[in-house]
Amino acid sequence: MILDTCALLWLAVDQGRLSESTLEAIDATHSVGVSAISAFEIGQKHKRGQLKLSLPPRQWFERAVAQHKLSVFNLTADTCLRATELPEIHKDPFDRLIIATAMSEGRPVITTDSVFGKYGIETLS
């Protein structure tokens, strides 16, 4: 499974925003990860004052990854190019990269964004 950026924030800060079945799926899955683009998105939102964190973004992200034993999927040229080749259904470049990561890795995405499913990937909310 891959967490979108909101799901990562909720897992780390407010698990009540995730459904019980999603939390159970996370616990039962041996490999849950995030796209590296989520680190960039969190840092950007924090810098712009759109996101308050208990730690500086780098430390917050590293702690969340370690605490929840997450894998980080780095962006490859293939994933970046795949994101540019996706139909223009979703305009958010961060989400397009998360979708492309899920496609490259063959994993479902934990998200509440209904647009993700329009790309033919499995989603959990």
Protein backbone atom coordinates (compact mmCIF):
# COMPACT_ATOMS: atom_id res chain seq x y z
CA MET A 1 0.00 0.00 0.00
CA ILE A 2 1.01 3.58 -0.59
CA LEU A 3 -0.24 6.40 1.60
CA ASP A 4 -1.10 9.64 -0.11
CA THR A 5 0.17 12.72 1.71
CA CYS A 6 -3.04 13.30 3.67
CA ALA A 7 -3.16 9.66 4.74
CA LEU A 8 0.43 9.92 5.97
CA LEU A 9 -0.45 13.01 8.01
CA TRP A 10 -3.51 11.29 9.45
CA LEU A 11 -1.61 8.10 10.27
CA ALA A 12 1.02 10.10 12.11
CA VAL A 13 -1.17 12.72 13.79
CA ASP A 14 -4.89 11.90 13.70
CA GLN A 15 -5.65 8.23 13.06
CA GLY A 16 -9.34 8.90 13.69
CA ARG A 17 -9.46 10.39 10.18
CA LEU A 18 -8.73 6.92 8.72
CA SER A 19 -11.41 4.26 8.70
CA GLU A 20 -11.09 1.30 11.04
CA SER A 21 -10.86 -1.06 8.06
CA THR A 22 -8.03 1.00 6.57
CA LEU A 23 -6.12 1.00 9.86
CA GLU A 24 -6.60 -2.77 10.06
CA ALA A 25 -5.33 -3.14 6.48
CA ILE A 26 -2.26 -1.04 7.31
CA ASP A 27 -1.56 -3.20 10.37
CA ALA A 28 -2.02 -6.42 8.38
CA THR A 29 0.17 -5.37 5.46
CA HIS A 30 3.86 -6.16 5.66
CA SER A 31 4.82 -3.27 3.39
CA VAL A 32 3.30 0.19 3.58
CA GLY A 33 5.05 3.09 1.97
CA VAL A 34 4.91 6.68 0.82
CA SER A 35 6.14 8.38 -2.30
CA ALA A 36 9.14 10.64 -1.81
CA ILE A 37 7.01 13.43 -3.29
CA SER A 38 5.03 13.46 -0.02
CA ALA A 39 8.14 14.74 1.77
CA PHE A 40 8.34 17.60 -0.73
CA GLU A 41 4.62 18.36 -0.43
CA ILE A 42 4.77 18.41 3.37
CA GLY A 43 7.82 20.68 3.31
CA GLN A 44 6.18 23.07 0.83
CA LYS A 45 2.91 23.27 2.76
CA HIS A 46 4.79 23.89 6.00
CA LYS A 47 6.96 26.59 4.41
CA ARG A 48 3.86 28.38 3.06
CA GLY A 49 2.15 28.26 6.47
CA GLN A 50 -0.52 25.82 5.26
CA LEU A 51 0.60 23.01 7.55
CA LYS A 52 1.70 23.15 11.18
CA LEU A 53 4.04 20.41 12.33
CA SER A 54 5.46 19.52 15.74
CA LEU A 55 8.97 19.36 14.24
CA PRO A 56 10.74 20.84 11.21
CA PRO A 57 9.53 19.02 8.05
CA ARG A 58 12.65 16.86 7.59
CA GLN A 59 12.58 15.63 11.17
CA TRP A 60 8.81 15.19 11.13
CA PHE A 61 8.90 13.11 7.94
CA GLU A 62 11.83 10.97 9.08
CA ARG A 63 10.16 10.31 12.44
CA ALA A 64 6.81 9.41 10.84
CA VAL A 65 8.51 6.98 8.43
CA ALA A 66 10.51 5.35 11.22
CA GLN A 67 7.66 5.22 13.75
CA HIS A 68 5.27 3.56 11.31
CA LYS A 69 7.92 1.41 9.61
CA LEU A 70 7.13 2.86 6.19
CA SER A 71 9.08 2.40 2.99
CA VAL A 72 9.85 5.47 0.92
CA PHE A 73 9.43 5.03 -2.82
CA ASN A 74 11.94 7.27 -4.53
CA LEU A 75 10.98 9.00 -7.74
CA THR A 76 12.56 7.42 -10.77
CA ALA A 77 12.68 8.89 -14.26
CA ASP A 78 10.17 6.23 -15.30
CA THR A 79 7.72 7.25 -12.55
CA CYS A 80 8.11 10.96 -13.36
CA LEU A 81 7.54 10.34 -17.05
CA ARG A 82 4.56 8.10 -16.29
CA ALA A 83 3.03 10.98 -14.29
CA THR A 84 3.32 13.24 -17.35
CA GLU A 85 1.67 10.59 -19.53
CA LEU A 86 -1.41 10.21 -17.34
CA PRO A 87 -4.69 11.60 -18.65
CA GLU A 88 -5.40 15.10 -17.34
CA ILE A 89 -8.02 13.87 -14.87
CA HIS A 90 -6.11 15.09 -11.80
CA LYS A 91 -4.36 18.45 -11.98
CA ASP A 92 -2.35 18.22 -8.72
CA PRO A 93 1.24 17.32 -9.64
CA PHE A 94 1.91 15.79 -6.21
CA ASP A 95 -1.05 13.45 -6.55
CA ARG A 96 -0.16 12.61 -10.15
CA LEU A 97 3.27 11.48 -8.92
CA ILE A 98 1.69 9.41 -6.13
CA ILE A 99 -0.63 7.80 -8.69
CA ALA A 100 2.31 7.09 -11.00
CA THR A 101 4.24 5.60 -8.06
CA ALA A 102 1.29 3.31 -7.27
CA MET A 103 1.13 2.22 -10.90
CA SER A 104 4.89 1.59 -11.06
CA GLU A 105 4.85 -0.38 -7.82
CA GLY A 106 1.53 -2.16 -8.46
CA ARG A 107 0.12 -1.08 -5.11
CA PRO A 108 -3.17 0.36 -3.90
CA VAL A 109 -3.29 3.90 -2.50
CA ILE A 110 -4.79 4.95 0.78
CA THR A 111 -6.58 8.20 -0.05
CA THR A 112 -9.92 9.92 0.34
CA ASP A 113 -9.48 11.56 -3.06
CA SER A 114 -12.03 9.89 -5.34
CA VAL A 115 -10.15 11.06 -8.46
CA PHE A 116 -7.37 8.51 -7.82
CA GLY A 117 -9.72 5.64 -8.70
CA LYS A 118 -10.41 7.15 -12.12
CA TYR A 119 -6.89 6.08 -13.09
CA GLY A 120 -7.76 2.43 -12.60
CA ILE A 121 -5.76 1.99 -9.40
CA GLU A 122 -7.16 0.38 -6.28
CA THR A 123 -7.86 2.80 -3.44
CA LEU A 124 -8.71 2.49 0.23
CA SER A 125 -10.03 5.32 2.37
